[in-house]
Amino acid sequence: MFAQELAPSAEPHERAANAQVEAARLSRDAARRLYDRGLPLRDISKVLGLSFQRAKQLIDQAPELIS
C-alpha cells in the first residue's frame, strides 16, 4: 500500500546498513592491531573513543591478525 512512498528510501537504508557493518569490522581490526602492537586496553579505548569494556569486546571479537 505504501510501497511507492517507501521505495526511494530502501537503497539509502541498505547502503547505511552496509556502511555500519564495514565500520564495525574496521573498528574491530583497528582495536586488534593496536592490541597486538602492545597498546594497553585503556589507551585503545581512548584512541577509538570507546569504553574500556567495548574496546575489550572488539578485541575479543576480532580475529588475530598477522602484521
N, C-alpha and C. Protein backbone atom coordinates (compact mmCIF):
# COMPACT_ATOMS: atom_id res chain seq x y z
N MET A 1 0.82 -1.19 0.00
CA MET A 1 0.00 0.00 0.00
C MET A 1 0.87 1.26 0.00
N PHE A 2 1.92 1.28 0.81
CA PHE A 2 2.79 2.46 0.87
C PHE A 2 4.13 2.22 0.18
N ALA A 3 4.21 1.17 -0.58
CA ALA A 3 5.48 0.79 -1.22
C ALA A 3 6.04 1.92 -2.07
N GLN A 4 5.19 2.62 -2.78
CA GLN A 4 5.66 3.70 -3.65
C GLN A 4 6.31 4.82 -2.83
N GLU A 5 5.78 5.09 -1.66
CA GLU A 5 6.34 6.14 -0.82
C GLU A 5 7.66 5.70 -0.17
N LEU A 6 7.77 4.42 0.13
CA LEU A 6 8.94 3.90 0.81
C LEU A 6 10.08 3.51 -0.12
N ALA A 7 9.78 3.24 -1.37
CA ALA A 7 10.79 2.77 -2.32
C ALA A 7 12.03 3.66 -2.40
N PRO A 8 11.91 4.98 -2.45
CA PRO A 8 13.11 5.81 -2.56
C PRO A 8 14.07 5.68 -1.38
N SER A 9 13.57 5.27 -0.22
CA SER A 9 14.44 5.17 0.95
C SER A 9 15.10 3.81 1.09
N ALA A 10 14.67 2.82 0.34
CA ALA A 10 15.19 1.46 0.50
C ALA A 10 16.68 1.38 0.23
N GLU A 11 17.12 1.92 -0.86
CA GLU A 11 18.54 1.83 -1.23
C GLU A 11 19.43 2.61 -0.27
N PRO A 12 19.10 3.84 0.12
CA PRO A 12 19.93 4.51 1.12
C PRO A 12 19.99 3.77 2.46
N HIS A 13 18.88 3.15 2.86
CA HIS A 13 18.88 2.37 4.10
C HIS A 13 19.82 1.18 3.98
N GLU A 14 19.81 0.53 2.84
CA GLU A 14 20.71 -0.62 2.62
C GLU A 14 22.17 -0.17 2.62
N ARG A 15 22.46 0.95 1.99
CA ARG A 15 23.83 1.47 2.00
C ARG A 15 24.28 1.81 3.41
N ALA A 16 23.39 2.41 4.19
CA ALA A 16 23.71 2.76 5.57
C ALA A 16 23.99 1.51 6.41
N ALA A 17 23.19 0.48 6.24
CA ALA A 17 23.39 -0.76 6.98
C ALA A 17 24.73 -1.40 6.60
N ASN A 18 25.05 -1.40 5.33
CA ASN A 18 26.33 -1.95 4.87
C ASN A 18 27.50 -1.13 5.40
N ALA A 19 27.36 0.17 5.43
CA ALA A 19 28.42 1.04 5.95
C ALA A 19 28.62 0.79 7.44
N GLN A 20 27.55 0.55 8.16
CA GLN A 20 27.65 0.27 9.60
C GLN A 20 28.39 -1.04 9.84
N VAL A 21 28.10 -2.04 9.05
CA VAL A 21 28.80 -3.33 9.17
C VAL A 21 30.29 -3.15 8.88
N GLU A 22 30.60 -2.42 7.84
CA GLU A 22 32.00 -2.17 7.48
C GLU A 22 32.72 -1.36 8.56
N ALA A 23 32.07 -0.37 9.11
CA ALA A 23 32.67 0.44 10.18
C ALA A 23 32.96 -0.42 11.40
N ALA A 24 32.07 -1.32 11.74
CA ALA A 24 32.29 -2.21 12.88
C ALA A 24 33.48 -3.13 12.63
N ARG A 25 33.59 -3.64 11.41
CA ARG A 25 34.72 -4.51 11.07
C ARG A 25 36.03 -3.74 11.17
N LEU A 26 36.05 -2.53 10.65
CA LEU A 26 37.26 -1.72 10.70
C LEU A 26 37.65 -1.37 12.13
N SER A 27 36.67 -1.09 12.97
CA SER A 27 36.94 -0.81 14.38
C SER A 27 37.53 -2.03 15.08
N ARG A 28 36.96 -3.21 14.81
CA ARG A 28 37.50 -4.44 15.40
C ARG A 28 38.94 -4.67 14.96
N ASP A 29 39.19 -4.49 13.66
CA ASP A 29 40.54 -4.70 13.15
C ASP A 29 41.53 -3.69 13.74
N ALA A 30 41.11 -2.45 13.86
CA ALA A 30 41.99 -1.42 14.42
C ALA A 30 42.30 -1.73 15.88
N ALA A 31 41.28 -2.10 16.64
CA ALA A 31 41.49 -2.43 18.05
C ALA A 31 42.45 -3.61 18.17
N ARG A 32 42.26 -4.60 17.33
CA ARG A 32 43.12 -5.79 17.39
C ARG A 32 44.56 -5.45 17.03
N ARG A 33 44.74 -4.64 15.98
CA ARG A 33 46.11 -4.26 15.57
C ARG A 33 46.81 -3.49 16.69
N LEU A 34 46.10 -2.56 17.29
CA LEU A 34 46.69 -1.78 18.39
C LEU A 34 47.04 -2.70 19.57
N TYR A 35 46.16 -3.61 19.89
CA TYR A 35 46.39 -4.55 20.99
C TYR A 35 47.60 -5.45 20.68
N ASP A 36 47.65 -5.95 19.46
CA ASP A 36 48.76 -6.83 19.06
C ASP A 36 50.10 -6.10 19.08
N ARG A 37 50.07 -4.79 18.94
CA ARG A 37 51.29 -3.99 19.00
C ARG A 37 51.65 -3.57 20.42
N GLY A 38 50.86 -4.01 21.38
CA GLY A 38 51.18 -3.78 22.78
C GLY A 38 50.53 -2.58 23.43
N LEU A 39 49.63 -1.90 22.73
CA LEU A 39 48.96 -0.75 23.33
C LEU A 39 47.98 -1.25 24.41
N PRO A 40 48.03 -0.65 25.60
CA PRO A 40 47.11 -1.07 26.67
C PRO A 40 45.65 -0.81 26.28
N LEU A 41 44.77 -1.65 26.83
CA LEU A 41 43.34 -1.53 26.54
C LEU A 41 42.80 -0.14 26.85
N ARG A 42 43.23 0.45 27.93
CA ARG A 42 42.74 1.79 28.28
C ARG A 42 43.11 2.80 27.19
N ASP A 43 44.30 2.69 26.65
CA ASP A 43 44.71 3.60 25.58
C ASP A 43 43.93 3.32 24.29
N ILE A 44 43.71 2.06 24.00
CA ILE A 44 42.92 1.70 22.82
C ILE A 44 41.52 2.29 22.93
N SER A 45 40.92 2.18 24.10
CA SER A 45 39.57 2.72 24.28
C SER A 45 39.56 4.23 24.06
N LYS A 46 40.60 4.92 24.53
CA LYS A 46 40.66 6.37 24.34
C LYS A 46 40.86 6.74 22.88
N VAL A 47 41.76 6.03 22.21
CA VAL A 47 42.05 6.32 20.80
C VAL A 47 40.80 6.12 19.94
N LEU A 48 40.06 5.06 20.22
CA LEU A 48 38.87 4.75 19.43
C LEU A 48 37.60 5.43 19.95
N GLY A 49 37.71 6.14 21.08
CA GLY A 49 36.55 6.82 21.63
C GLY A 49 35.50 5.87 22.17
N LEU A 50 35.95 4.78 22.77
CA LEU A 50 35.06 3.75 23.29
C LEU A 50 35.29 3.56 24.77
N SER A 51 34.36 2.87 25.40
CA SER A 51 34.59 2.48 26.79
C SER A 51 35.64 1.38 26.81
N PHE A 52 36.25 1.20 27.97
CA PHE A 52 37.23 0.13 28.15
C PHE A 52 36.59 -1.22 27.81
N GLN A 53 35.35 -1.42 28.31
CA GLN A 53 34.66 -2.69 28.09
C GLN A 53 34.39 -2.94 26.60
N ARG A 54 33.99 -1.88 25.88
CA ARG A 54 33.70 -2.05 24.45
C ARG A 54 34.98 -2.34 23.68
N ALA A 55 36.08 -1.69 24.04
CA ALA A 55 37.35 -1.97 23.38
C ALA A 55 37.75 -3.43 23.59
N LYS A 56 37.55 -3.94 24.81
CA LYS A 56 37.86 -5.34 25.11
C LYS A 56 36.98 -6.26 24.28
N GLN A 57 35.70 -5.93 24.15
CA GLN A 57 34.80 -6.75 23.33
C GLN A 57 35.27 -6.80 21.89
N LEU A 58 35.66 -5.66 21.34
CA LEU A 58 36.11 -5.62 19.95
C LEU A 58 37.36 -6.48 19.75
N ILE A 59 38.27 -6.40 20.69
CA ILE A 59 39.49 -7.20 20.59
C ILE A 59 39.16 -8.68 20.67
N ASP A 60 38.27 -9.03 21.57
CA ASP A 60 37.88 -10.44 21.71
C ASP A 60 37.15 -10.95 20.46
N GLN A 61 36.43 -10.07 19.77
CA GLN A 61 35.67 -10.48 18.58
C GLN A 61 36.54 -10.53 17.32
N ALA A 62 37.62 -9.78 17.31
CA ALA A 62 38.45 -9.69 16.11
C ALA A 62 39.35 -10.90 15.99
N PRO A 63 39.50 -11.39 14.78
CA PRO A 63 40.43 -12.49 14.60
C PRO A 63 41.86 -11.98 14.81
N GLU A 64 42.72 -12.87 15.26
CA GLU A 64 44.11 -12.48 15.43
C GLU A 64 44.69 -12.16 14.05
N LEU A 65 45.29 -11.00 13.95
CA LEU A 65 45.82 -10.53 12.67
C LEU A 65 47.31 -10.80 12.58
N ILE A 66 47.75 -11.05 11.39
CA ILE A 66 49.19 -11.20 11.14
C ILE A 66 49.67 -9.90 10.56
N SER A 67 50.61 -9.25 11.26
CA SER A 67 51.10 -7.93 10.83
C SER A 67 52.05 -8.05 9.67
